N, C-alpha and C. Protein backbone atom coordinates (compact mmCIF):
# COMPACT_ATOMS: atom_id res chain seq x y z
N UNK A 1 0.84 -1.18 0.00
CA UNK A 1 0.00 0.00 0.00
C UNK A 1 0.89 1.25 0.00
N UNK A 2 0.60 2.18 -0.88
CA UNK A 2 1.39 3.41 -0.99
C UNK A 2 1.12 4.33 0.20
N UNK A 3 2.16 5.00 0.63
CA UNK A 3 2.01 5.97 1.72
C UNK A 3 1.36 7.22 1.18
N UNK A 4 0.57 7.83 2.04
CA UNK A 4 -0.13 9.04 1.64
C UNK A 4 0.65 10.27 2.06
N UNK A 5 0.58 11.29 1.22
CA UNK A 5 1.16 12.59 1.57
C UNK A 5 0.27 13.26 2.61
N UNK A 6 0.84 14.19 3.36
CA UNK A 6 0.00 14.94 4.29
C UNK A 6 -1.02 15.78 3.53
N UNK A 7 -2.10 16.17 4.20
CA UNK A 7 -3.10 17.03 3.55
C UNK A 7 -2.46 18.34 3.06
N UNK A 8 -3.05 18.94 2.04
CA UNK A 8 -2.54 20.19 1.45
C UNK A 8 -2.27 21.27 2.51
N UNK A 9 -3.20 21.42 3.45
CA UNK A 9 -3.03 22.46 4.47
C UNK A 9 -1.78 22.20 5.30
N UNK A 10 -1.50 20.95 5.59
CA UNK A 10 -0.31 20.59 6.36
C UNK A 10 0.95 20.80 5.52
N UNK A 11 0.88 20.51 4.23
CA UNK A 11 2.01 20.73 3.35
C UNK A 11 2.37 22.22 3.32
N UNK A 12 1.35 23.06 3.18
CA UNK A 12 1.57 24.50 3.16
C UNK A 12 2.19 24.98 4.48
N UNK A 13 1.65 24.48 5.59
CA UNK A 13 2.14 24.87 6.91
C UNK A 13 3.60 24.46 7.08
N UNK A 14 3.96 23.25 6.63
CA UNK A 14 5.34 22.78 6.76
C UNK A 14 6.28 23.66 5.95
N UNK A 15 5.91 23.98 4.72
CA UNK A 15 6.75 24.86 3.88
C UNK A 15 6.96 26.21 4.58
N UNK A 16 5.89 26.76 5.09
CA UNK A 16 5.96 28.07 5.75
C UNK A 16 6.87 28.00 6.98
N UNK A 17 6.68 26.99 7.80
CA UNK A 17 7.47 26.79 9.01
C UNK A 17 8.95 26.67 8.70
N UNK A 18 9.28 25.83 7.72
CA UNK A 18 10.68 25.61 7.38
C UNK A 18 11.33 26.86 6.81
N UNK A 19 10.60 27.61 5.99
CA UNK A 19 11.17 28.81 5.41
C UNK A 19 11.34 29.91 6.46
N UNK A 20 10.44 30.01 7.40
CA UNK A 20 10.61 30.98 8.49
C UNK A 20 11.84 30.62 9.33
N UNK A 21 11.98 29.35 9.63
CA UNK A 21 13.13 28.90 10.42
C UNK A 21 14.43 29.14 9.65
N UNK A 22 14.45 28.79 8.37
CA UNK A 22 15.67 28.99 7.56
C UNK A 22 16.01 30.47 7.46
N UNK A 23 15.01 31.32 7.35
CA UNK A 23 15.26 32.76 7.26
C UNK A 23 15.99 33.25 8.51
N UNK A 24 15.58 32.74 9.67
CA UNK A 24 16.18 33.15 10.94
C UNK A 24 17.53 32.48 11.21
N UNK A 25 17.65 31.19 10.89
CA UNK A 25 18.84 30.42 11.28
C UNK A 25 19.85 30.23 10.15
N UNK A 26 19.38 30.18 8.91
CA UNK A 26 20.24 29.87 7.77
C UNK A 26 20.13 30.94 6.69
N UNK A 27 20.67 32.14 6.94
CA UNK A 27 20.55 33.22 5.97
C UNK A 27 21.29 32.95 4.65
N UNK A 28 22.15 31.92 4.62
CA UNK A 28 22.83 31.55 3.39
C UNK A 28 21.84 31.04 2.34
N UNK A 29 20.69 30.57 2.79
CA UNK A 29 19.68 30.01 1.88
C UNK A 29 18.68 31.08 1.48
N UNK A 30 18.33 31.09 0.21
CA UNK A 30 17.27 31.98 -0.26
C UNK A 30 15.90 31.39 0.07
N UNK A 31 15.84 30.06 0.09
CA UNK A 31 14.55 29.40 0.29
C UNK A 31 14.79 27.92 0.59
N UNK A 32 13.82 27.30 1.28
CA UNK A 32 13.78 25.85 1.41
C UNK A 32 12.64 25.38 0.53
N UNK A 33 12.98 24.56 -0.44
CA UNK A 33 11.96 24.00 -1.32
C UNK A 33 11.55 22.64 -0.76
N UNK A 34 10.26 22.38 -0.77
CA UNK A 34 9.73 21.13 -0.24
C UNK A 34 8.86 20.49 -1.32
N UNK A 35 9.17 19.23 -1.63
CA UNK A 35 8.33 18.49 -2.57
C UNK A 35 7.89 17.19 -1.88
N UNK A 36 6.74 16.72 -2.26
CA UNK A 36 6.13 15.57 -1.60
C UNK A 36 5.98 14.41 -2.57
N UNK A 37 6.26 13.21 -2.05
CA UNK A 37 6.08 12.01 -2.85
C UNK A 37 5.95 10.80 -1.93
N UNK A 38 4.89 10.07 -2.07
CA UNK A 38 4.69 8.79 -1.37
C UNK A 38 4.89 8.89 0.14
N UNK A 39 4.36 9.94 0.77
CA UNK A 39 4.45 10.08 2.21
C UNK A 39 5.75 10.69 2.72
N UNK A 40 6.59 11.14 1.80
CA UNK A 40 7.85 11.78 2.17
C UNK A 40 7.84 13.23 1.73
N UNK A 41 8.53 14.07 2.51
CA UNK A 41 8.77 15.46 2.14
C UNK A 41 10.27 15.59 1.90
N UNK A 42 10.64 16.00 0.70
CA UNK A 42 12.04 16.17 0.32
C UNK A 42 12.40 17.64 0.44
N UNK A 43 13.44 17.95 1.23
CA UNK A 43 13.85 19.32 1.47
C UNK A 43 15.11 19.64 0.68
N UNK A 44 15.05 20.70 -0.10
CA UNK A 44 16.19 21.18 -0.87
C UNK A 44 16.47 22.62 -0.45
N UNK A 45 17.74 22.96 -0.31
CA UNK A 45 18.13 24.34 -0.05
C UNK A 45 18.39 25.05 -1.37
N UNK A 46 17.76 26.20 -1.54
CA UNK A 46 17.97 27.03 -2.73
C UNK A 46 18.85 28.20 -2.33
N UNK A 47 19.98 28.36 -3.01
CA UNK A 47 20.91 29.44 -2.72
C UNK A 47 20.59 30.66 -3.59
N UNK A 48 21.01 31.84 -3.15
CA UNK A 48 20.74 33.06 -3.91
C UNK A 48 21.23 33.01 -5.36
N UNK A 49 22.29 32.24 -5.63
CA UNK A 49 22.81 32.15 -7.00
C UNK A 49 22.06 31.13 -7.86
N UNK A 50 21.02 30.50 -7.29
CA UNK A 50 20.21 29.54 -8.04
C UNK A 50 20.58 28.09 -7.84
N UNK A 51 21.72 27.82 -7.18
CA UNK A 51 22.10 26.43 -6.91
C UNK A 51 21.07 25.79 -5.98
N UNK A 52 20.84 24.50 -6.20
CA UNK A 52 19.92 23.73 -5.36
C UNK A 52 20.72 22.59 -4.72
N UNK A 53 20.59 22.48 -3.39
CA UNK A 53 21.28 21.42 -2.65
C UNK A 53 20.24 20.54 -1.96
N UNK A 54 20.11 19.27 -2.38
CA UNK A 54 19.25 18.37 -1.61
C UNK A 54 19.76 18.30 -0.17
N UNK A 55 18.87 18.33 0.79
CA UNK A 55 19.27 18.35 2.20
C UNK A 55 18.87 17.06 2.93
N UNK A 56 17.57 16.79 2.96
CA UNK A 56 17.11 15.63 3.72
C UNK A 56 15.70 15.25 3.28
N UNK A 57 15.26 14.15 3.83
CA UNK A 57 13.90 13.66 3.56
C UNK A 57 13.21 13.45 4.89
N UNK A 58 11.99 13.90 4.96
CA UNK A 58 11.16 13.71 6.15
C UNK A 58 10.09 12.67 5.85
N UNK A 59 9.86 11.77 6.78
CA UNK A 59 8.81 10.76 6.62
C UNK A 59 7.59 11.18 7.42
N UNK A 60 6.49 11.32 6.74
CA UNK A 60 5.24 11.75 7.37
C UNK A 60 4.74 10.67 8.32
N UNK A 61 4.52 11.07 9.58
CA UNK A 61 4.06 10.12 10.60
C UNK A 61 2.58 10.30 10.92
N UNK A 62 1.95 11.29 10.31
CA UNK A 62 0.57 11.59 10.64
C UNK A 62 0.45 12.74 11.61
N UNK A 63 1.59 13.20 12.16
CA UNK A 63 1.61 14.28 13.13
C UNK A 63 2.48 15.41 12.57
N UNK A 64 1.98 16.62 12.60
CA UNK A 64 2.68 17.76 12.00
C UNK A 64 4.04 18.03 12.63
N UNK A 65 4.20 17.78 13.90
CA UNK A 65 5.41 18.19 14.61
C UNK A 65 6.46 17.09 14.74
N UNK A 66 6.16 15.88 14.28
CA UNK A 66 7.11 14.78 14.41
C UNK A 66 7.23 14.05 13.08
N UNK A 67 8.45 14.06 12.55
CA UNK A 67 8.72 13.44 11.25
C UNK A 67 9.95 12.54 11.37
N UNK A 68 9.96 11.45 10.60
CA UNK A 68 11.16 10.62 10.49
C UNK A 68 12.20 11.38 9.68
N UNK A 69 13.47 11.03 9.86
CA UNK A 69 14.56 11.79 9.26
C UNK A 69 15.50 10.90 8.46
N UNK A 70 15.84 11.34 7.26
CA UNK A 70 16.87 10.69 6.44
C UNK A 70 17.72 11.80 5.83
N UNK A 71 19.02 11.67 5.91
CA UNK A 71 19.94 12.67 5.37
C UNK A 71 20.22 12.34 3.90
N UNK A 72 20.43 13.37 3.11
CA UNK A 72 20.82 13.17 1.71
C UNK A 72 22.32 12.86 1.67
N UNK A 73 22.69 11.81 0.97
CA UNK A 73 24.09 11.44 0.80
C UNK A 73 24.50 11.76 -0.63
N UNK A 74 25.25 12.83 -0.79
CA UNK A 74 25.68 13.24 -2.13
C UNK A 74 26.53 12.17 -2.78
N UNK A 75 27.31 11.44 -1.99
CA UNK A 75 28.19 10.42 -2.54
C UNK A 75 27.43 9.28 -3.21
N UNK A 76 26.17 9.06 -2.81
CA UNK A 76 25.35 7.99 -3.38
C UNK A 76 24.11 8.53 -4.09
N UNK A 77 23.92 9.84 -4.06
CA UNK A 77 22.72 10.46 -4.63
C UNK A 77 21.47 9.76 -4.13
N UNK A 78 21.41 9.58 -2.80
CA UNK A 78 20.27 8.90 -2.19
C UNK A 78 20.10 9.40 -0.75
N UNK A 79 19.05 8.94 -0.12
CA UNK A 79 18.73 9.32 1.25
C UNK A 79 18.93 8.11 2.15
N UNK A 80 19.46 8.36 3.35
CA UNK A 80 19.67 7.29 4.32
C UNK A 80 19.05 7.67 5.65
N UNK A 81 18.21 6.77 6.18
CA UNK A 81 17.66 7.02 7.51
C UNK A 81 18.80 7.29 8.47
N UNK A 82 18.59 8.25 9.35
CA UNK A 82 19.67 8.65 10.23
C UNK A 82 19.10 9.16 11.55
N UNK A 83 19.99 9.44 12.49
CA UNK A 83 19.59 9.99 13.78
C UNK A 83 19.82 11.50 13.78
N UNK A 84 18.97 12.19 14.48
CA UNK A 84 19.15 13.62 14.70
C UNK A 84 20.13 13.82 15.87
N UNK A 85 20.64 15.02 16.07
CA UNK A 85 21.55 15.25 17.20
C UNK A 85 20.95 14.84 18.56
N UNK A 86 19.63 14.79 18.66
CA UNK A 86 18.98 14.35 19.89
C UNK A 86 19.19 12.86 20.14
N UNK A 87 19.64 12.13 19.11
CA UNK A 87 19.81 10.68 19.22
C UNK A 87 18.60 9.90 18.76
N UNK A 88 17.56 10.61 18.35
CA UNK A 88 16.32 9.97 17.89
C UNK A 88 16.24 9.98 16.37
N UNK A 89 15.54 8.99 15.80
CA UNK A 89 15.39 8.94 14.34
C UNK A 89 14.23 9.80 13.83
N UNK A 90 13.62 10.54 14.73
CA UNK A 90 12.50 11.41 14.37
C UNK A 90 12.54 12.66 15.23
N UNK A 91 11.90 13.71 14.75
CA UNK A 91 11.87 14.96 15.50
C UNK A 91 11.13 16.02 14.72
N UNK A 92 11.36 17.26 15.08
CA UNK A 92 10.67 18.35 14.39
C UNK A 92 11.31 18.60 13.03
N UNK A 93 10.56 19.15 12.11
CA UNK A 93 11.13 19.50 10.80
C UNK A 93 12.31 20.47 10.93
N UNK A 94 12.24 21.38 11.89
CA UNK A 94 13.33 22.33 12.10
C UNK A 94 14.61 21.62 12.55
N UNK A 95 14.48 20.63 13.42
CA UNK A 95 15.65 19.85 13.85
C UNK A 95 16.30 19.16 12.66
N UNK A 96 15.46 18.60 11.80
CA UNK A 96 15.97 17.90 10.62
C UNK A 96 16.69 18.88 9.68
N UNK A 97 16.08 20.02 9.45
CA UNK A 97 16.70 21.03 8.59
C UNK A 97 18.03 21.49 9.18
N UNK A 98 18.06 21.74 10.48
CA UNK A 98 19.29 22.17 11.14
C UNK A 98 20.38 21.11 11.01
N UNK A 99 20.03 19.86 11.19
CA UNK A 99 21.00 18.79 11.09
C UNK A 99 21.60 18.74 9.68
N UNK A 100 20.75 18.80 8.67
CA UNK A 100 21.22 18.75 7.28
C UNK A 100 22.01 20.01 6.92
N UNK A 101 21.55 21.16 7.35
CA UNK A 101 22.27 22.41 7.06
C UNK A 101 23.62 22.43 7.76
N UNK A 102 23.69 21.87 8.96
CA UNK A 102 24.97 21.78 9.65
C UNK A 102 26.00 21.07 8.80
N UNK A 103 25.57 20.03 8.12
CA UNK A 103 26.46 19.27 7.24
C UNK A 103 26.74 20.04 5.95
N UNK A 104 25.71 20.42 5.24
CA UNK A 104 25.89 21.00 3.90
C UNK A 104 26.31 22.46 3.89
N UNK A 105 26.10 23.16 5.01
CA UNK A 105 26.55 24.55 5.10
C UNK A 105 27.76 24.68 6.03
N UNK A 106 28.30 23.54 6.44
CA UNK A 106 29.52 23.48 7.24
C UNK A 106 29.43 24.31 8.52
N UNK A 107 28.39 24.02 9.31
CA UNK A 107 28.19 24.72 10.58
C UNK A 107 27.84 23.71 11.67
N UNK A 108 28.85 23.09 12.29
CA UNK A 108 28.57 22.07 13.30
C UNK A 108 27.86 22.59 14.54
N UNK A 109 27.75 23.90 14.72
CA UNK A 109 26.98 24.40 15.88
C UNK A 109 25.52 23.99 15.77
N UNK A 110 25.08 23.63 14.58
CA UNK A 110 23.69 23.19 14.40
C UNK A 110 23.42 21.89 15.15
N UNK A 111 24.46 21.13 15.46
CA UNK A 111 24.27 19.85 16.11
C UNK A 111 24.34 19.93 17.62
N UNK A 112 24.60 21.10 18.15
CA UNK A 112 24.65 21.27 19.59
C UNK A 112 23.24 21.48 20.13
N UNK A 113 22.91 20.74 21.15
CA UNK A 113 21.61 20.95 21.77
C UNK A 113 21.80 21.85 22.98
N UNK A 114 20.95 22.87 23.12
CA UNK A 114 21.12 23.77 24.26
C UNK A 114 20.89 23.03 25.57
N UNK A 115 21.62 23.42 26.62
CA UNK A 115 21.43 22.76 27.90
C UNK A 115 20.03 23.01 28.44
N UNK A 116 19.51 22.01 29.15
CA UNK A 116 18.20 22.15 29.78
C UNK A 116 18.41 22.39 31.26
N UNK A 117 17.52 23.15 31.84
CA UNK A 117 17.62 23.45 33.28
C UNK A 117 16.88 22.41 34.08
């Protein structure tokens, strides 16, 4: 059975959320492009010069705030399920974007989790 994409309203909300986060945290990107296929959301970073960098893939779990995570591997031109810096294979879309941007934009501070009180 094929996986279903999230509803249109959720797709729009995810795009908006990711672009707001990227605007604040990743000014190197002009935009985060999101495309959907078979229950997955594919995130690409668009640079001001027009270059497009595949970043990661999110697996729709049915919940807007929790998605499975797979990093894009340029060496294989494919996606591999992976763990986020939290140690979990799922998390918020922003966590996933930060993890991928940390790699592709060469900013390891993205993988640091702030201390909790």
